[in-house]
Amino acid sequence: MKKLWGWIVGIFTFIIGILVLSGKKNKKVKEIKSNIKDNKKKTKSIDKKIEGVKETDEYLKKTLAEKKKQTKKLKESKKKIKPKKKSSSKARSKLKKIGKGRK
């Protein structure tokens, strides 16, 4: 009878041990799965940010190209302004008027 009870207790403890170990493994698996889900969410948000940055980068490149074209056009169309030739007496009288507060 003692041997029979020993076998029954041994089988019972073996089954309980397997269930306890599998429960711990299930907890670890659940934790890993939740970590994977969190990482996927984070990568999605980062990917969205990267796409936004790419769009703004393309927009900035286009505007820079347009600005360069405009500056080239301005430089080409810009006329060289030559200073007006004035006699020394006209220049002197103008400076006197400026000094007195007139134009």
N, C-alpha and C. Protein backbone atom coordinates (compact mmCIF):
# COMPACT_ATOMS: atom_id res chain seq x y z
N MET A 1 0.80 -1.18 0.00
CA MET A 1 0.00 0.00 0.00
C MET A 1 0.86 1.27 0.00
N LYS A 2 1.98 1.23 0.75
CA LYS A 2 2.86 2.39 0.80
C LYS A 2 3.44 2.66 -0.59
N LYS A 3 3.80 1.62 -1.31
CA LYS A 3 4.36 1.81 -2.64
C LYS A 3 3.32 2.43 -3.57
N LEU A 4 2.10 2.00 -3.45
CA LEU A 4 1.04 2.54 -4.30
C LEU A 4 0.84 4.03 -4.02
N TRP A 5 0.79 4.40 -2.72
CA TRP A 5 0.65 5.81 -2.38
C TRP A 5 1.87 6.60 -2.84
N GLY A 6 3.02 6.04 -2.77
CA GLY A 6 4.23 6.71 -3.26
C GLY A 6 4.15 6.99 -4.74
N TRP A 7 3.68 5.98 -5.48
CA TRP A 7 3.52 6.20 -6.93
C TRP A 7 2.46 7.27 -7.22
N ILE A 8 1.38 7.24 -6.53
CA ILE A 8 0.30 8.23 -6.76
C ILE A 8 0.80 9.63 -6.43
N VAL A 9 1.48 9.79 -5.31
CA VAL A 9 2.01 11.10 -4.92
C VAL A 9 3.06 11.55 -5.93
N GLY A 10 3.90 10.67 -6.39
CA GLY A 10 4.93 11.01 -7.37
C GLY A 10 4.33 11.48 -8.68
N ILE A 11 3.33 10.75 -9.19
CA ILE A 11 2.68 11.16 -10.44
C ILE A 11 1.97 12.49 -10.26
N PHE A 12 1.30 12.66 -9.12
CA PHE A 12 0.59 13.91 -8.84
C PHE A 12 1.55 15.10 -8.80
N THR A 13 2.67 14.96 -8.11
CA THR A 13 3.64 16.05 -8.05
C THR A 13 4.28 16.31 -9.41
N PHE A 14 4.47 15.27 -10.20
CA PHE A 14 5.02 15.45 -11.55
C PHE A 14 4.08 16.28 -12.41
N ILE A 15 2.79 15.97 -12.35
CA ILE A 15 1.80 16.71 -13.14
C ILE A 15 1.72 18.16 -12.67
N ILE A 16 1.71 18.38 -11.37
CA ILE A 16 1.65 19.75 -10.83
C ILE A 16 2.91 20.52 -11.23
N GLY A 17 4.06 19.87 -11.18
CA GLY A 17 5.31 20.52 -11.59
C GLY A 17 5.28 20.95 -13.04
N ILE A 18 4.76 20.10 -13.90
CA ILE A 18 4.65 20.46 -15.32
C ILE A 18 3.72 21.66 -15.50
N LEU A 19 2.60 21.66 -14.80
CA LEU A 19 1.65 22.78 -14.91
C LEU A 19 2.27 24.09 -14.41
N VAL A 20 3.01 24.03 -13.33
CA VAL A 20 3.64 25.24 -12.78
C VAL A 20 4.68 25.78 -13.75
N LEU A 21 5.51 24.90 -14.30
CA LEU A 21 6.53 25.35 -15.25
C LEU A 21 5.92 25.92 -16.51
N SER A 22 4.84 25.29 -16.97
CA SER A 22 4.20 25.80 -18.19
C SER A 22 3.56 27.16 -17.92
N GLY A 23 3.06 27.36 -16.71
CA GLY A 23 2.48 28.66 -16.35
C GLY A 23 3.53 29.76 -16.38
N LYS A 24 4.72 29.46 -15.90
CA LYS A 24 5.81 30.44 -15.94
C LYS A 24 6.20 30.75 -17.37
N LYS A 25 6.23 29.71 -18.20
CA LYS A 25 6.58 29.92 -19.60
C LYS A 25 5.52 30.76 -20.29
N ASN A 26 4.27 30.52 -19.96
CA ASN A 26 3.19 31.31 -20.56
C ASN A 26 3.31 32.78 -20.18
N LYS A 27 3.70 33.06 -18.94
CA LYS A 27 3.89 34.45 -18.53
C LYS A 27 5.00 35.10 -19.34
N LYS A 28 6.08 34.36 -19.53
CA LYS A 28 7.19 34.91 -20.31
C LYS A 28 6.78 35.14 -21.75
N VAL A 29 6.03 34.20 -22.31
CA VAL A 29 5.56 34.34 -23.69
C VAL A 29 4.65 35.55 -23.82
N LYS A 30 3.75 35.74 -22.85
CA LYS A 30 2.86 36.90 -22.88
C LYS A 30 3.64 38.20 -22.79
N GLU A 31 4.64 38.23 -21.93
CA GLU A 31 5.47 39.43 -21.81
C GLU A 31 6.19 39.73 -23.11
N ILE A 32 6.73 38.71 -23.73
CA ILE A 32 7.45 38.90 -24.99
C ILE A 32 6.50 39.38 -26.08
N LYS A 33 5.30 38.80 -26.13
CA LYS A 33 4.32 39.23 -27.13
C LYS A 33 3.92 40.68 -26.91
N SER A 34 3.72 41.08 -25.65
CA SER A 34 3.35 42.47 -25.39
C SER A 34 4.50 43.41 -25.75
N ASN A 35 5.74 42.98 -25.51
CA ASN A 35 6.90 43.79 -25.91
C ASN A 35 6.96 43.93 -27.42
N ILE A 36 6.65 42.87 -28.13
CA ILE A 36 6.66 42.92 -29.60
C ILE A 36 5.60 43.90 -30.09
N LYS A 37 4.40 43.86 -29.50
CA LYS A 37 3.34 44.78 -29.90
C LYS A 37 3.74 46.23 -29.63
N ASP A 38 4.33 46.48 -28.48
CA ASP A 38 4.78 47.83 -28.15
C ASP A 38 5.83 48.32 -29.14
N ASN A 39 6.76 47.44 -29.48
CA ASN A 39 7.81 47.82 -30.44
C ASN A 39 7.23 48.10 -31.81
N LYS A 40 6.24 47.33 -32.22
CA LYS A 40 5.60 47.57 -33.52
C LYS A 40 4.93 48.94 -33.54
N LYS A 41 4.25 49.28 -32.44
CA LYS A 41 3.60 50.59 -32.36
C LYS A 41 4.63 51.71 -32.43
N LYS A 42 5.74 51.53 -31.73
CA LYS A 42 6.78 52.55 -31.74
C LYS A 42 7.39 52.69 -33.12
N THR A 43 7.63 51.58 -33.81
CA THR A 43 8.21 51.66 -35.15
C THR A 43 7.25 52.32 -36.12
N LYS A 44 5.94 52.08 -35.96
CA LYS A 44 4.96 52.73 -36.82
C LYS A 44 5.00 54.23 -36.63
N SER A 45 5.05 54.68 -35.38
CA SER A 45 5.08 56.13 -35.13
C SER A 45 6.37 56.74 -35.67
N ILE A 46 7.48 56.03 -35.53
CA ILE A 46 8.75 56.53 -36.05
C ILE A 46 8.73 56.57 -37.57
N ASP A 47 8.12 55.57 -38.20
CA ASP A 47 8.02 55.56 -39.65
C ASP A 47 7.18 56.74 -40.15
N LYS A 48 6.11 57.06 -39.42
CA LYS A 48 5.29 58.22 -39.80
C LYS A 48 6.10 59.50 -39.71
N LYS A 49 6.90 59.63 -38.65
CA LYS A 49 7.74 60.81 -38.50
C LYS A 49 8.76 60.90 -39.63
N ILE A 50 9.33 59.77 -40.00
CA ILE A 50 10.32 59.75 -41.09
C ILE A 50 9.68 60.18 -42.40
N GLU A 51 8.48 59.69 -42.67
CA GLU A 51 7.77 60.09 -43.89
C GLU A 51 7.50 61.59 -43.90
N GLY A 52 7.11 62.12 -42.74
CA GLY A 52 6.86 63.57 -42.65
C GLY A 52 8.12 64.36 -42.92
N VAL A 53 9.24 63.89 -42.40
CA VAL A 53 10.51 64.58 -42.61
C VAL A 53 10.91 64.50 -44.07
N LYS A 54 10.67 63.37 -44.71
CA LYS A 54 11.00 63.23 -46.14
C LYS A 54 10.19 64.20 -46.98
N GLU A 55 8.90 64.34 -46.64
CA GLU A 55 8.05 65.26 -47.39
C GLU A 55 8.53 66.70 -47.23
N THR A 56 8.86 67.09 -46.00
CA THR A 56 9.34 68.46 -45.80
C THR A 56 10.69 68.66 -46.48
N ASP A 57 11.52 67.63 -46.50
CA ASP A 57 12.81 67.72 -47.16
C ASP A 57 12.63 67.96 -48.67
N GLU A 58 11.71 67.21 -49.28
CA GLU A 58 11.43 67.40 -50.70
C GLU A 58 10.89 68.80 -50.96
N TYR A 59 9.99 69.27 -50.09
CA TYR A 59 9.43 70.60 -50.25
C TYR A 59 10.52 71.66 -50.16
N LEU A 60 11.42 71.50 -49.19
CA LEU A 60 12.52 72.47 -49.03
C LEU A 60 13.44 72.46 -50.25
N LYS A 61 13.71 71.28 -50.79
CA LYS A 61 14.56 71.20 -51.98
C LYS A 61 13.92 71.94 -53.15
N LYS A 62 12.60 71.76 -53.32
CA LYS A 62 11.90 72.43 -54.41
C LYS A 62 11.95 73.94 -54.23
N THR A 63 11.69 74.40 -53.02
CA THR A 63 11.69 75.85 -52.79
C THR A 63 13.09 76.43 -52.97
N LEU A 64 14.11 75.69 -52.55
CA LEU A 64 15.48 76.17 -52.75
C LEU A 64 15.80 76.28 -54.23
N ALA A 65 15.37 75.31 -55.00
CA ALA A 65 15.62 75.36 -56.44
C ALA A 65 14.91 76.56 -57.06
N GLU A 66 13.67 76.82 -56.63
CA GLU A 66 12.93 77.97 -57.15
C GLU A 66 13.62 79.28 -56.76
N LYS A 67 14.08 79.37 -55.54
CA LYS A 67 14.75 80.58 -55.09
C LYS A 67 16.06 80.81 -55.86
N LYS A 68 16.76 79.74 -56.14
CA LYS A 68 18.00 79.88 -56.91
C LYS A 68 17.69 80.38 -58.32
N LYS A 69 16.63 79.85 -58.92
CA LYS A 69 16.23 80.31 -60.25
C LYS A 69 15.87 81.80 -60.22
N GLN A 70 15.13 82.18 -59.20
CA GLN A 70 14.73 83.58 -59.10
C GLN A 70 15.93 84.50 -58.92
N THR A 71 16.88 84.09 -58.10
CA THR A 71 18.07 84.93 -57.91
C THR A 71 18.89 85.02 -59.19
N LYS A 72 18.96 83.93 -59.95
CA LYS A 72 19.67 83.98 -61.23
C LYS A 72 18.99 84.95 -62.19
N LYS A 73 17.64 84.88 -62.21
CA LYS A 73 16.90 85.79 -63.08
C LYS A 73 17.14 87.24 -62.67
N LEU A 74 17.13 87.48 -61.37
CA LEU A 74 17.36 88.84 -60.88
C LEU A 74 18.76 89.32 -61.23
N LYS A 75 19.74 88.45 -61.10
CA LYS A 75 21.11 88.84 -61.42
C LYS A 75 21.26 89.12 -62.91
N GLU A 76 20.60 88.33 -63.74
CA GLU A 76 20.69 88.53 -65.18
C GLU A 76 19.96 89.79 -65.61
N SER A 77 18.79 90.01 -65.03
CA SER A 77 17.99 91.15 -65.45
C SER A 77 18.42 92.46 -64.78
N LYS A 78 19.23 92.36 -63.79
CA LYS A 78 19.66 93.54 -63.05
C LYS A 78 20.53 94.44 -63.95
N LYS A 79 20.13 95.66 -64.05
CA LYS A 79 20.90 96.61 -64.86
C LYS A 79 21.98 97.22 -63.99
N LYS A 80 23.07 97.46 -64.60
CA LYS A 80 24.14 98.11 -63.86
C LYS A 80 23.81 99.59 -63.76
N ILE A 81 23.74 100.04 -62.55
CA ILE A 81 23.41 101.44 -62.30
C ILE A 81 24.70 102.24 -62.21
N LYS A 82 24.75 103.22 -63.07
CA LYS A 82 25.93 104.09 -63.06
C LYS A 82 25.57 105.33 -62.25
N PRO A 83 26.47 105.78 -61.46
CA PRO A 83 26.18 106.98 -60.69
C PRO A 83 26.06 108.20 -61.63
N LYS A 84 25.17 109.08 -61.28
CA LYS A 84 24.98 110.28 -62.09
C LYS A 84 26.17 111.20 -61.88
N LYS A 85 26.58 111.76 -62.96
CA LYS A 85 27.71 112.68 -62.88
C LYS A 85 27.19 114.06 -62.49
N LYS A 86 27.76 114.60 -61.45
CA LYS A 86 27.37 115.92 -60.98
C LYS A 86 28.61 116.78 -60.92
N SER A 87 28.35 118.01 -61.10
CA SER A 87 29.47 118.93 -60.97
C SER A 87 29.75 119.14 -59.49
N SER A 88 30.90 119.61 -59.19
CA SER A 88 31.29 119.79 -57.80
C SER A 88 30.42 120.84 -57.11
N SER A 89 29.99 121.85 -57.85
CA SER A 89 29.16 122.89 -57.23
C SER A 89 27.78 122.34 -56.87
N LYS A 90 27.21 121.50 -57.72
CA LYS A 90 25.91 120.90 -57.41
C LYS A 90 26.02 119.98 -56.20
N ALA A 91 27.07 119.22 -56.14
CA ALA A 91 27.28 118.31 -55.02
C ALA A 91 27.44 119.10 -53.72
N ARG A 92 28.19 120.21 -53.77
CA ARG A 92 28.42 121.04 -52.61
C ARG A 92 27.11 121.65 -52.12
N SER A 93 26.30 122.16 -53.05
CA SER A 93 25.04 122.78 -52.66
C SER A 93 24.07 121.73 -52.08
N LYS A 94 24.09 120.54 -52.62
CA LYS A 94 23.24 119.47 -52.10
C LYS A 94 23.65 119.11 -50.68
N LEU A 95 24.95 119.02 -50.44
CA LEU A 95 25.43 118.69 -49.09
C LEU A 95 25.06 119.79 -48.10
N LYS A 96 25.10 121.05 -48.54
CA LYS A 96 24.71 122.15 -47.65
C LYS A 96 23.22 122.05 -47.27
N LYS A 97 22.39 121.70 -48.29
CA LYS A 97 20.95 121.57 -48.03
C LYS A 97 20.68 120.44 -47.05
N ILE A 98 21.40 119.34 -47.22
CA ILE A 98 21.23 118.20 -46.31
C ILE A 98 21.64 118.58 -44.90
N GLY A 99 22.69 119.35 -44.78
CA GLY A 99 23.18 119.79 -43.46
C GLY A 99 22.19 120.72 -42.78
N LYS A 100 21.44 121.50 -43.56
CA LYS A 100 20.46 122.42 -42.98
C LYS A 100 19.12 121.73 -42.70
N GLY A 101 18.95 120.49 -43.13
CA GLY A 101 17.73 119.77 -42.86
C GLY A 101 16.77 119.77 -44.01
N ARG A 102 17.20 120.21 -45.15
CA ARG A 102 16.35 120.19 -46.33
C ARG A 102 16.79 119.04 -47.24
N LYS A 103 15.95 118.79 -48.19
CA LYS A 103 16.33 117.76 -49.16
C LYS A 103 16.82 118.36 -50.43
